[in-house]
Structure formats: structure tokens, C-alpha cells
């Protein structure tokens, strides 16, 4: 749509042209990749090349199972990892909470970083599968994967990393120490409906039969897998995105807003910001009317805005948490886009304060 500004890339990114073209080409290999005839073998060859390409993009030398997305990848690991217990941080995605409702929860500090001492204590005695995010989808706060992996390994446990928000190459050392990694294509310019579970050792995962080496049933989505691989081949300028986020952080601070977890190591393209005195739901309407797409820091459930469990775990009270919106960037986001968002932010702030205090900001 003309004149619209999209700043919700953490929710989903536009499909890249190279991904669309690759999918169109793959649709010509329409046969079932499990079929033994020539047509099936051609489809299988495309699928296996995509598998190698996605693994290579994340520098992964273990197994890769294609899934319908990160949520299914997380559920497979949480349901079938061959250790008896499940642990997660208190700021994990709803997909993790739904998949492992009985998991032991480990607290985070005020910046959203997992309490490493509490993690070690929770692991004492029995091995467990520990699930943590590479970067929180609401706040962008990144977890210290290397330190977490060391604690989990010493306890004889397994580490599952929710890397739905991870660009390829963002933390190769942290990923290399994980036992399982959940990935999502549509966060990286690929198509929706495809993701992957990286598995260090298939012996640590109970099989169920069917396709994907016997770990996921259903005919493989060859065009989507090929499109995913093509999208990952397109580089993302993380340094440029980080500079944009710093630019936005500074402007919001000067404009009377609050940057969530400003002192933490954060994703280069995700930031959450509080506008004191105005609910996120109202902010979203105002921004949308101005042609700007962002999302709320609160999750929408049953038609009513509920306080974010992530911000609650970080010690935010419900009222303040309801005033947070998330802004996230993509490959095409520019400094001019950030400046446009900031201008609208200041306009909204003036309207609720009823004065021109921000005129010199």
C-alpha cells in the first residue's frame, strides 16, 4: 500500500523476490519427494539441496528436520526430547508455554536475562531439556547462550534454543552449543508455513514414523523449503539495523518515552518502547491511522489486551506494561523511516499531554 510504513518485521517479513522466484521454479517439480520414480527423485533432490542450504546458513553440521514453522519445531523438541524434565525461562514465547505447560520456570532479572544461578539450581539432580530464546520477540533481549549451554551441559541436560528471531550468523558460537534449534522462515523473508528443527543428535529425540527421517509425518513442502533456502542466501545488514535501533532508542528517550531493557544486549532490529499515559491499543490505532504498522508489547487474547507476561516477569506493573509497543526493522528500513515514526510518536505525545513540551526535542 502506498505511503504505508511497515515496522513489524518481528511478526513477519515480506517474502523476498528471490524466495518467490525459487518457489515458482520448485512448483514445477510437483511430484511427491517420497516417490521412487524419476519425478519423485527430482523433487527429493530439490528438498535435500534446500536442507543443506538452510543448515549451511546457520553453520549447522547436525541434522535438520523441516517443519511447518518454529512453533511446531519447538513442540517436537519439547514433546519428544529424551530427558525426563522440561525447564524454560519466564519470558519464553507462548508457543513454548503451550507446548510444555508443566515445565519448571526459571526467573529473569529486570532486563529480561535468565538468572544463571537459578538455572543451575533448577537443574541440580535431574537432567532436563532447557528452552531459551536467542532473542525475546517482544523486547529483543538476547540470552547468553554460551553460559547457559555450559550450565546445561554440566548438569547432563539438553538445550533447546528458540531462534525464530535469529538472522543467520548472528550467534554461531551459541547455536553450535545447542542440542536443538527452532527456526522460522517467514521471519527472514521466506514463506510462511515452513521452518526447521536443527538436531545435534537424533538419538536424543524420540521418533514417530513418517517423513523427515521418521520424526514428522506428512508430505514435505518442497516449494516452501526451497523458498526458505533462497531467502537465507540474501544477506541482512545487522550493523545497519543496530544503528537504526540506537537512533530510535535515543529519539524515544529524548521524547519522554521509555526504552524497555535499554541496558541489555538486544536484537539489532527489535525494540520496545513505553509511551507513559497512553495504552498500547490506542497507540496502535493512532499509528495505523498515520500509515505506520507496529505491534503491541502486550499479547491480544480473547479480544482483550492483557499485560505481557514477559514484561511482568521483568518486574513491570500491569499499567506500565499496557503502554508498551514494539518496533521492529527489516532489510528495507531506513533512517528516514525511523524519523517518520519518531515524528508521529511526538505528535501523539503532544496530544495526550496537551502542550508543546516536546517542541524542542
Protein backbone atom coordinates (compact mmCIF):
# COMPACT_ATOMS: atom_id res chain seq x y z
CA UNK A 1 0.00 0.00 0.00
CA UNK A 2 1.38 3.43 -0.93
CA UNK A 3 2.79 5.61 1.86
CA UNK A 4 2.49 2.85 4.44
CA UNK A 5 5.46 2.26 6.74
CA UNK A 6 5.88 -1.31 7.96
CA UNK A 7 7.75 -1.62 11.27
CA UNK A 8 6.52 -5.03 12.40
CA UNK A 9 9.14 -7.32 10.88
CA UNK A 10 9.42 -9.37 14.09
CA UNK A 11 5.88 -10.56 13.42
CA UNK A 12 6.57 -11.44 9.80
CA UNK A 13 8.68 -10.10 6.95
CA UNK A 14 7.68 -9.57 3.32
CA UNK A 15 8.57 -12.52 1.13
CA UNK A 16 11.71 -11.70 -0.82
CA UNK A 17 11.55 -11.76 -4.60
CA UNK A 18 14.28 -14.41 -4.74
CA UNK A 19 12.19 -16.63 -2.46
CA UNK A 20 9.08 -16.19 -4.62
CA UNK A 21 11.05 -16.98 -7.77
CA UNK A 22 12.63 -20.06 -6.21
CA UNK A 23 9.22 -21.31 -5.07
CA UNK A 24 7.76 -20.82 -8.55
CA UNK A 25 10.59 -22.86 -10.03
CA UNK A 26 10.19 -25.57 -7.39
CA UNK A 27 6.48 -25.88 -8.14
CA UNK A 28 7.44 -27.33 -11.49
CA UNK A 29 8.82 -30.32 -9.57
CA UNK A 30 5.31 -31.15 -8.38
CA UNK A 31 5.84 -34.81 -7.52
CA UNK A 32 5.90 -36.30 -4.03
CA UNK A 33 9.52 -36.39 -2.86
CA UNK A 34 8.94 -39.77 -1.20
CA UNK A 35 8.01 -41.40 -4.52
CA UNK A 36 10.68 -43.65 -6.06
CA UNK A 37 10.12 -42.68 -9.71
CA UNK A 38 12.10 -40.04 -11.63
CA UNK A 39 9.64 -37.24 -10.86
CA UNK A 40 9.77 -38.04 -7.14
CA UNK A 41 13.54 -38.22 -7.20
CA UNK A 42 13.72 -34.76 -8.82
CA UNK A 43 11.55 -33.31 -6.06
CA UNK A 44 13.65 -35.12 -3.45
CA UNK A 45 16.84 -33.63 -4.89
CA UNK A 46 15.44 -30.11 -4.56
CA UNK A 47 14.32 -30.78 -0.99
CA UNK A 48 17.68 -32.15 0.08
CA UNK A 49 19.54 -29.25 -1.51
CA UNK A 50 17.29 -26.85 0.43
CA UNK A 51 18.01 -28.82 3.60
CA UNK A 52 21.76 -28.46 3.05
CA UNK A 53 21.44 -24.77 2.24
CA UNK A 54 19.41 -23.90 5.36
CA UNK A 55 21.81 -25.86 7.59
CA UNK A 56 24.81 -24.16 5.97
CA UNK A 57 23.28 -20.71 6.50
CA UNK A 58 23.25 -21.40 10.25
CA UNK A 59 26.63 -23.19 10.15
CA UNK A 60 24.95 -26.33 11.45
CA UNK A 61 26.66 -29.67 10.98
CA UNK A 62 23.97 -31.81 12.61
CA UNK A 63 20.57 -32.92 11.35
CA UNK A 64 17.80 -30.65 10.03
CA UNK A 65 14.10 -31.53 10.05
CA UNK A 66 11.74 -29.32 8.08
CA UNK A 67 8.57 -28.35 9.97
CA UNK A 68 5.59 -26.06 9.43
CA UNK A 69 7.33 -23.33 11.43
CA UNK A 70 9.12 -22.56 14.67
CA UNK A 71 6.08 -23.39 16.83
CA UNK A 72 5.98 -26.96 15.54
CA UNK A 73 9.75 -27.27 15.79
CA UNK A 74 9.59 -26.22 19.45
CA UNK A 75 6.71 -28.62 20.13
CA UNK A 76 8.57 -31.57 18.58
CA UNK A 77 11.61 -31.00 20.79
CA UNK A 78 9.59 -30.25 23.93
CA UNK A 79 7.38 -33.30 23.50
CA UNK A 80 9.99 -35.83 22.37
CA UNK A 81 13.41 -34.95 23.78
CA UNK A 82 14.72 -38.00 25.65
CA UNK A 83 15.30 -36.35 29.03
CA UNK A 84 12.67 -36.50 31.79
CA UNK A 85 12.09 -32.86 32.68
CA UNK A 86 11.40 -29.52 30.98
CA UNK A 87 12.69 -26.09 32.05
CA UNK A 88 12.09 -22.70 30.47
CA UNK A 89 12.77 -19.07 31.28
CA UNK A 90 9.89 -16.91 32.47
CA UNK A 91 9.96 -14.84 29.27
CA UNK A 92 9.53 -17.59 26.67
CA UNK A 93 7.13 -17.35 23.74
CA UNK A 94 3.54 -18.52 24.16
CA UNK A 95 4.28 -21.42 21.78
CA UNK A 96 6.71 -22.82 24.36
CA UNK A 97 4.32 -22.26 27.27
CA UNK A 98 1.53 -24.06 25.41
CA UNK A 99 3.76 -26.97 24.39
CA UNK A 100 5.19 -27.55 27.89
CA UNK A 101 2.60 -26.39 30.42
CA UNK A 102 4.20 -28.40 33.24
CA UNK A 103 7.72 -27.07 32.74
CA UNK A 104 9.65 -25.58 35.64
CA UNK A 105 10.04 -21.83 35.14
CA UNK A 106 13.34 -20.06 35.81
CA UNK A 107 13.23 -16.36 36.70
CA UNK A 108 14.85 -13.50 34.80
CA UNK A 109 16.27 -10.22 36.05
CA UNK A 110 14.83 -6.74 35.45
CA UNK A 111 16.43 -6.66 31.99
CA UNK A 112 14.92 -9.99 30.98
CA UNK A 113 18.11 -12.06 31.26
CA UNK A 114 17.81 -15.55 32.72
CA UNK A 115 19.14 -15.98 36.27
CA UNK A 116 22.08 -18.32 35.69
CA UNK A 117 22.38 -19.29 39.35
CA UNK A 118 18.68 -20.14 39.47
CA UNK A 119 19.07 -22.19 36.30
CA UNK A 120 21.93 -24.18 37.81
CA UNK A 121 19.89 -24.78 40.97
CA UNK A 122 16.85 -25.89 38.97
CA UNK A 123 18.97 -28.39 37.04
CA UNK A 124 20.58 -29.90 40.14
CA UNK A 125 19.74 -33.58 40.44
CA UNK A 126 17.82 -34.43 37.25
CA UNK A 127 18.66 -33.81 33.61
CA UNK A 128 16.22 -31.60 31.75
CA UNK A 129 15.52 -30.02 28.39
CA UNK A 130 16.06 -26.28 28.87
CA UNK A 131 14.31 -23.94 26.43
CA UNK A 132 15.51 -20.36 25.99
CA UNK A 133 15.18 -17.77 23.25
CA UNK A 134 18.06 -16.39 21.27
CA UNK A 135 16.25 -13.03 21.46
CA UNK A 136 12.93 -12.21 23.06
CA UNK A 137 10.30 -11.48 20.44
CA UNK A 138 8.83 -8.59 22.45
CA UNK A 139 11.84 -6.84 23.96
CA UNK A 140 14.69 -8.05 21.76
CA UNK A 141 16.75 -9.01 24.84
CA UNK A 142 19.31 -11.68 23.94
CA UNK A 143 20.22 -14.51 26.27
CA UNK A 144 23.85 -15.56 26.92
CA UNK A 145 23.63 -18.85 25.06
CA UNK A 146 27.22 -19.87 25.72
CA UNK A 147 26.91 -19.51 29.50
CA UNK A 148 23.53 -21.23 29.51
CA UNK A 149 24.84 -24.12 27.39
CA UNK A 150 27.73 -24.68 29.79
CA UNK A 151 25.38 -24.93 32.80
CA UNK A 152 23.03 -27.28 30.94
CA UNK A 153 25.87 -29.48 29.73
CA UNK A 154 27.41 -29.81 33.20
CA UNK A 155 24.02 -30.97 34.52
CA UNK A 156 23.65 -33.60 31.80
CA UNK A 157 20.74 -31.76 30.20
CA UNK A 158 19.84 -30.68 26.67
CA UNK A 159 19.50 -27.13 25.34
CA UNK A 160 16.68 -26.05 23.01
CA UNK A 161 17.12 -22.58 21.50
CA UNK A 162 14.12 -20.73 20.11
CA UNK A 163 15.90 -18.97 17.25
CA UNK A 164 12.80 -17.81 15.37
CA UNK A 165 14.15 -14.24 15.50
CA UNK A 166 17.76 -15.15 14.73
CA UNK A 167 19.34 -13.99 11.47
CA UNK A 168 21.89 -16.45 10.07
CA UNK A 169 25.34 -15.87 11.53
CA UNK A 170 24.10 -13.76 14.45
CA UNK A 171 25.45 -16.09 17.18
CA UNK A 172 27.22 -19.06 15.58
CA UNK A 173 29.08 -19.99 18.77
CA UNK A 174 25.89 -20.06 20.84
CA UNK A 175 23.99 -22.07 18.24
CA UNK A 176 26.86 -24.54 17.93
CA UNK A 177 26.46 -25.45 21.61
CA UNK A 178 22.72 -26.17 21.38
CA UNK A 179 21.17 -29.62 21.08
CA UNK A 180 18.05 -28.34 19.31
CA UNK A 181 17.35 -25.08 17.47
CA UNK A 182 13.91 -23.96 16.24
CA UNK A 183 13.83 -21.77 13.11
CA UNK A 184 11.19 -19.85 11.19
CA UNK A 185 11.25 -18.88 7.50
CA UNK A 186 8.75 -16.03 7.47
CA UNK A 187 10.85 -14.00 9.94
CA UNK A 188 13.70 -13.97 7.44
CA UNK A 189 11.98 -13.15 4.14
CA UNK A 190 10.90 -16.70 3.37
CA UNK A 191 7.35 -18.01 3.01
CA UNK A 192 5.04 -18.72 5.93
CA UNK A 193 4.27 -22.34 6.75
CA UNK A 194 7.87 -23.59 6.79
CA UNK A 195 10.51 -23.78 9.50
CA UNK A 196 13.08 -26.20 10.78
CA UNK A 197 14.32 -28.02 13.83
CA UNK A 198 18.09 -28.36 13.97
CA UNK A 199 19.04 -31.50 15.89
CA UNK A 200 22.53 -32.27 17.14
CA UNK A 201 21.89 -35.99 17.66
CA UNK A 202 18.73 -37.76 16.51
CA UNK A 203 19.19 -40.27 19.34
CA UNK A 204 18.12 -37.50 21.74
CA UNK A 205 14.71 -37.27 20.04
CA UNK A 206 12.03 -39.98 20.08
CA UNK A 207 10.82 -40.76 16.52
CA UNK A 208 7.18 -41.17 15.49
CA UNK A 209 7.50 -42.52 11.97
CA UNK A 210 6.62 -40.93 8.66
CA UNK A 211 8.65 -38.41 6.70
CA UNK A 212 11.60 -36.25 7.75
CA UNK A 213 13.73 -39.22 8.77
CA UNK A 214 10.80 -40.60 10.74
CA UNK A 215 10.38 -37.56 13.01
CA UNK A 216 7.50 -35.75 11.29
CA UNK A 217 4.64 -37.15 9.25
CA UNK A 218 3.22 -35.52 6.13
CA UNK A 219 4.33 -34.86 2.58
CA UNK A 220 7.19 -32.37 2.57
CA UNK A 221 6.52 -28.84 1.30
CA UNK A 222 9.24 -28.69 -1.33
CA UNK A 223 8.46 -25.22 -2.76
CA UNK A 224 8.39 -23.64 0.70
CA UNK A 225 11.66 -25.32 1.70
CA UNK A 226 13.31 -24.10 -1.49
CA UNK A 227 11.95 -20.59 -0.94
CA UNK A 228 13.26 -20.61 2.62
CA UNK A 229 16.74 -21.56 1.50
CA UNK A 230 16.72 -18.85 -1.16
CA UNK A 231 15.70 -16.19 1.38
CA UNK A 232 18.53 -17.13 3.74
CA UNK A 233 21.04 -16.61 0.95
CA UNK A 234 20.15 -12.91 0.92
CA UNK A 235 22.35 -11.06 3.45
CA UNK A 236 20.94 -8.93 6.27
CA UNK A 237 22.91 -5.86 7.34
CA UNK A 238 22.75 -6.32 11.11
CA UNK A 239 25.09 -3.42 11.81
CA UNK A 240 22.85 -1.05 9.88
CA UNK A 241 19.79 -2.33 11.73
CA UNK A 242 21.54 -1.89 15.08
CA UNK A 243 22.36 1.71 14.17
CA UNK A 244 18.69 2.32 13.39
CA UNK A 245 17.65 0.88 16.74
CA UNK A 246 20.11 3.10 18.58
CA UNK A 247 18.77 6.08 16.63
CA UNK A 248 15.24 5.18 17.70
CA UNK A 249 16.26 4.48 21.31
CA UNK A 250 17.84 7.92 21.58
CA UNK A 251 14.88 9.71 19.99
CA UNK A 252 12.31 7.98 22.19
CA UNK A 253 14.32 8.80 25.31
CA UNK A 254 14.55 12.47 24.31
CA UNK A 255 10.82 12.49 23.56
CA UNK A 256 9.77 11.44 27.05
CA UNK A 257 9.34 7.73 26.36
CA UNK A 258 10.98 4.72 27.99
CA UNK A 259 13.12 2.13 26.22
CA UNK A 260 12.49 -1.37 27.54
CA UNK A 261 15.68 -3.12 28.74
CA UNK A 262 17.91 -0.38 27.38
CA UNK A 263 20.88 -1.71 29.35
CA UNK A 264 20.68 -5.24 27.95
CA UNK A 265 22.27 -6.90 24.94
CA UNK A 266 19.41 -6.69 22.44
CA UNK A 267 18.47 -7.83 18.96
CA UNK A 268 19.66 -5.27 16.41
CA UNK A 269 16.22 -4.95 14.83
CA UNK A 270 13.76 -5.21 17.75
CA UNK A 271 12.90 -2.56 20.33
CA UNK A 272 10.03 -2.00 22.76
CA UNK A 273 9.01 1.46 23.92
CA UNK A 274 6.66 2.81 26.54
CA UNK A 275 4.59 5.93 25.96
CA UNK A 276 3.54 6.93 29.50
CA UNK A 277 -0.12 7.75 29.81
CA UNK A 278 -1.47 6.05 26.69
CA UNK A 279 -2.47 2.40 26.27
CA UNK A 280 -0.72 0.42 23.55
CA UNK A 281 -4.07 -0.43 21.96
CA UNK A 282 -4.76 3.27 21.42
CA UNK A 283 -1.24 3.88 20.19
CA UNK A 284 -1.61 1.14 17.57
CA UNK A 285 -4.77 2.78 16.24
CA UNK A 286 -3.12 6.19 16.09
CA UNK A 287 -0.02 4.86 14.34
CA UNK A 288 -2.11 2.81 11.91
CA UNK A 289 -4.21 5.85 11.02
CA UNK A 290 -0.93 7.65 10.29
CA UNK A 291 0.11 4.83 7.96
CA UNK A 292 2.55 3.12 10.33
CA UNK A 293 2.34 -0.56 11.27
CA UNK A 294 3.76 -1.56 14.67
CA UNK A 295 2.61 -4.06 17.28
CA UNK A 296 1.78 -4.09 20.97
CA UNK A 297 4.08 -5.22 23.70
CA UNK A 298 1.02 -6.91 25.15
CA UNK A 299 -0.47 -10.09 23.73
CA UNK A 300 -4.04 -9.99 22.49
CA UNK A 301 -6.11 -12.78 23.99
CA UNK A 302 -9.84 -13.36 23.57
CA UNK A 303 -10.31 -9.87 22.19
CA UNK A 304 -8.92 -8.06 25.25
CA UNK A 305 -5.46 -6.65 25.81
CA UNK A 306 -3.71 -8.46 28.66
CA UNK A 307 -0.45 -7.39 30.26
CA UNK A 308 2.60 -9.00 28.71
CA UNK A 309 3.87 -11.95 30.74
CA UNK A 310 7.35 -11.02 29.51
CA UNK A 311 7.22 -7.52 30.99
CA UNK A 312 5.58 -8.90 34.12
CA UNK A 313 8.46 -11.33 34.58
CA UNK A 314 10.84 -8.37 34.31
CA UNK A 315 9.05 -6.60 37.15
CA UNK A 316 6.83 -4.21 35.19
CA UNK A 317 3.46 -3.41 36.71
CA UNK A 318 0.36 -4.08 34.60
CA UNK A 319 -0.42 -0.44 33.89
CA UNK A 320 3.04 0.36 32.57
CA UNK A 321 3.19 -2.88 30.57
CA UNK A 322 -0.04 -1.91 28.77
CA UNK A 323 1.68 1.23 27.46
CA UNK A 324 4.44 -0.58 25.51
CA UNK A 325 4.63 -1.03 21.74
CA UNK A 326 7.18 -2.98 19.72
CA UNK A 327 9.01 -1.59 16.71
CA UNK A 328 10.99 -3.96 14.50
CA UNK A 329 13.01 -3.41 11.33
CA UNK A 330 13.76 -5.28 8.14
CA UNK A 331 16.14 -5.13 5.19
CA UNK A 332 14.41 -2.10 3.66
CA UNK A 333 14.02 0.04 6.80
CA UNK A 334 15.84 3.38 6.56
CA UNK A 335 16.80 6.25 8.84
CA UNK A 336 14.03 8.28 7.18
CA UNK A 337 11.54 5.61 8.26
CA UNK A 338 12.74 5.88 11.85
CA UNK A 339 12.46 9.66 11.74
CA UNK A 340 8.91 9.41 10.40
CA UNK A 341 7.94 7.10 13.25
CA UNK A 342 9.51 9.45 15.79
CA UNK A 343 7.63 12.44 14.38
CA UNK A 344 4.36 10.59 14.80
CA UNK A 345 5.36 9.44 18.29
CA UNK A 346 5.92 13.07 19.29
CA UNK A 347 2.63 14.13 17.74
CA UNK A 348 0.78 11.53 19.80
CA UNK A 349 2.66 12.51 22.96
CA UNK A 350 1.75 16.17 22.46
CA UNK A 351 -1.89 15.25 22.02
CA UNK A 352 -2.06 13.41 25.34
CA UNK A 353 -0.02 15.99 27.25
CA UNK A 354 -1.91 18.90 25.78
CA UNK A 355 1.14 21.10 25.38
CA UNK A 356 4.27 21.65 23.31
CA UNK A 357 6.81 20.36 25.78
CA UNK A 358 8.31 18.21 23.05
CA UNK A 359 8.76 21.06 20.61
CA UNK A 360 12.49 21.28 21.21
CA UNK A 361 13.07 17.53 21.48
